[in-house]
N, C-alpha and C. Protein backbone atom coordinates (compact mmCIF):
# COMPACT_ATOMS: atom_id res chain seq x y z
N MET A 1 -32.81 -21.59 13.89
CA MET A 1 -32.29 -20.85 12.77
C MET A 1 -31.02 -21.47 12.18
N PRO A 2 -30.87 -22.76 12.17
CA PRO A 2 -29.66 -23.35 11.60
C PRO A 2 -29.52 -23.10 10.10
N HIS A 3 -30.63 -22.98 9.40
CA HIS A 3 -30.54 -22.73 7.96
C HIS A 3 -29.98 -21.34 7.67
N LEU A 4 -30.18 -20.39 8.56
CA LEU A 4 -29.63 -19.05 8.36
C LEU A 4 -28.13 -19.01 8.59
N SER A 5 -27.62 -19.86 9.47
CA SER A 5 -26.18 -19.87 9.70
C SER A 5 -25.43 -20.39 8.48
N ALA A 6 -26.02 -21.34 7.76
CA ALA A 6 -25.39 -21.84 6.54
C ALA A 6 -25.32 -20.74 5.48
N ILE A 7 -26.35 -19.93 5.39
CA ILE A 7 -26.37 -18.81 4.44
C ILE A 7 -25.33 -17.77 4.83
N ALA A 8 -25.27 -17.46 6.11
CA ALA A 8 -24.29 -16.48 6.60
C ALA A 8 -22.86 -16.97 6.35
N ASP A 9 -22.61 -18.26 6.59
CA ASP A 9 -21.28 -18.82 6.32
C ASP A 9 -20.91 -18.69 4.85
N ALA A 10 -21.84 -18.93 3.97
CA ALA A 10 -21.59 -18.81 2.54
C ALA A 10 -21.27 -17.37 2.15
N ILE A 11 -21.97 -16.42 2.74
CA ILE A 11 -21.72 -15.00 2.45
C ILE A 11 -20.35 -14.60 2.95
N TYR A 12 -19.99 -14.99 4.17
CA TYR A 12 -18.68 -14.63 4.72
C TYR A 12 -17.56 -15.28 3.92
N ARG A 13 -17.76 -16.49 3.47
CA ARG A 13 -16.75 -17.18 2.67
C ARG A 13 -16.55 -16.45 1.34
N TYR A 14 -17.63 -15.94 0.76
CA TYR A 14 -17.54 -15.20 -0.51
C TYR A 14 -16.75 -13.91 -0.32
N HIS A 15 -16.97 -13.21 0.77
CA HIS A 15 -16.30 -11.93 1.00
C HIS A 15 -14.82 -12.11 1.32
N SER A 16 -14.43 -13.24 1.84
CA SER A 16 -13.03 -13.43 2.18
C SER A 16 -12.25 -14.10 1.07
N SER A 17 -12.89 -14.49 -0.01
CA SER A 17 -12.19 -15.14 -1.11
C SER A 17 -11.46 -14.09 -1.95
N PRO A 18 -10.34 -14.47 -2.55
CA PRO A 18 -9.58 -13.49 -3.35
C PRO A 18 -10.28 -13.17 -4.66
N LEU A 19 -9.98 -12.01 -5.19
CA LEU A 19 -10.49 -11.66 -6.51
C LEU A 19 -9.82 -12.54 -7.55
N LEU A 20 -10.45 -12.69 -8.68
CA LEU A 20 -9.88 -13.51 -9.74
C LEU A 20 -8.53 -12.95 -10.20
N SER A 21 -8.42 -11.63 -10.29
CA SER A 21 -7.15 -11.03 -10.71
C SER A 21 -6.05 -11.30 -9.70
N GLU A 22 -6.37 -11.25 -8.40
CA GLU A 22 -5.38 -11.57 -7.37
C GLU A 22 -4.95 -13.03 -7.46
N PHE A 23 -5.91 -13.89 -7.70
CA PHE A 23 -5.60 -15.32 -7.83
C PHE A 23 -4.69 -15.57 -9.03
N MET A 24 -5.00 -14.94 -10.16
CA MET A 24 -4.18 -15.12 -11.36
C MET A 24 -2.77 -14.56 -11.16
N ASP A 25 -2.65 -13.43 -10.46
CA ASP A 25 -1.33 -12.88 -10.16
C ASP A 25 -0.52 -13.83 -9.29
N THR A 26 -1.18 -14.45 -8.32
CA THR A 26 -0.50 -15.42 -7.45
C THR A 26 -0.05 -16.63 -8.23
N VAL A 27 -0.91 -17.15 -9.09
CA VAL A 27 -0.57 -18.32 -9.90
C VAL A 27 0.58 -17.99 -10.84
N LEU A 28 0.53 -16.83 -11.49
CA LEU A 28 1.59 -16.44 -12.41
C LEU A 28 2.92 -16.27 -11.68
N ALA A 29 2.89 -15.62 -10.52
CA ALA A 29 4.12 -15.42 -9.75
C ALA A 29 4.72 -16.77 -9.33
N ARG A 30 3.89 -17.69 -8.90
CA ARG A 30 4.38 -19.02 -8.51
C ARG A 30 4.94 -19.76 -9.72
N PHE A 31 4.26 -19.68 -10.84
CA PHE A 31 4.71 -20.34 -12.06
C PHE A 31 6.05 -19.78 -12.52
N MET A 32 6.20 -18.44 -12.48
CA MET A 32 7.45 -17.81 -12.89
C MET A 32 8.59 -18.16 -11.94
N ARG A 33 8.29 -18.28 -10.66
CA ARG A 33 9.31 -18.61 -9.66
C ARG A 33 9.79 -20.04 -9.81
N GLU A 34 8.89 -20.96 -10.16
CA GLU A 34 9.25 -22.38 -10.22
C GLU A 34 9.85 -22.79 -11.56
N ASN A 35 9.71 -21.98 -12.60
CA ASN A 35 10.25 -22.30 -13.92
C ASN A 35 11.25 -21.22 -14.32
N ASP A 36 12.30 -21.66 -14.97
CA ASP A 36 13.34 -20.72 -15.38
C ASP A 36 13.05 -20.22 -16.79
N TYR A 37 12.79 -18.93 -16.92
CA TYR A 37 12.49 -18.32 -18.21
C TYR A 37 13.49 -17.23 -18.51
N ALA A 38 13.79 -17.06 -19.79
CA ALA A 38 14.58 -15.91 -20.23
C ALA A 38 13.74 -14.66 -20.01
N PRO A 39 14.37 -13.50 -19.81
CA PRO A 39 13.59 -12.27 -19.56
C PRO A 39 12.53 -11.98 -20.62
N LYS A 40 12.87 -12.19 -21.89
CA LYS A 40 11.90 -11.91 -22.95
C LYS A 40 10.71 -12.87 -22.87
N ALA A 41 10.98 -14.14 -22.62
CA ALA A 41 9.90 -15.12 -22.51
C ALA A 41 9.02 -14.82 -21.30
N ALA A 42 9.63 -14.40 -20.20
CA ALA A 42 8.86 -14.04 -19.00
C ALA A 42 7.97 -12.83 -19.29
N TYR A 43 8.52 -11.84 -20.00
CA TYR A 43 7.73 -10.65 -20.35
C TYR A 43 6.55 -11.03 -21.24
N MET A 44 6.80 -11.90 -22.22
CA MET A 44 5.73 -12.31 -23.12
C MET A 44 4.65 -13.11 -22.39
N LEU A 45 5.06 -13.93 -21.46
CA LEU A 45 4.08 -14.70 -20.68
C LEU A 45 3.23 -13.79 -19.81
N ARG A 46 3.87 -12.81 -19.18
CA ARG A 46 3.10 -11.84 -18.36
C ARG A 46 2.11 -11.06 -19.23
N ALA A 47 2.55 -10.65 -20.41
CA ALA A 47 1.67 -9.90 -21.32
C ALA A 47 0.50 -10.77 -21.76
N ARG A 48 0.77 -12.02 -22.04
CA ARG A 48 -0.29 -12.92 -22.47
C ARG A 48 -1.31 -13.13 -21.34
N MET A 49 -0.82 -13.26 -20.11
CA MET A 49 -1.71 -13.47 -18.97
C MET A 49 -2.50 -12.20 -18.65
N ALA A 50 -1.94 -11.03 -18.98
CA ALA A 50 -2.64 -9.78 -18.69
C ALA A 50 -3.87 -9.61 -19.58
N ARG A 51 -3.82 -10.20 -20.76
CA ARG A 51 -4.97 -10.11 -21.64
C ARG A 51 -6.07 -10.92 -21.09
C-alpha cells in the first residue's frame, strides 16, 4: 500500500497548511515591520491588502 501513504501524506499536508488569509496577514505584518511607513501610509496599505 505505498501508493496510499503518498495520498495520505498529501491530505495531511493540506490540512496543516495555513489559510490564504493567514498567510497574507503574516506577509503584511512582516512587510510592515521591515519597512518604515508613516501611520497614514500603513493604514492605506492595510486597507488595500484587505480588499
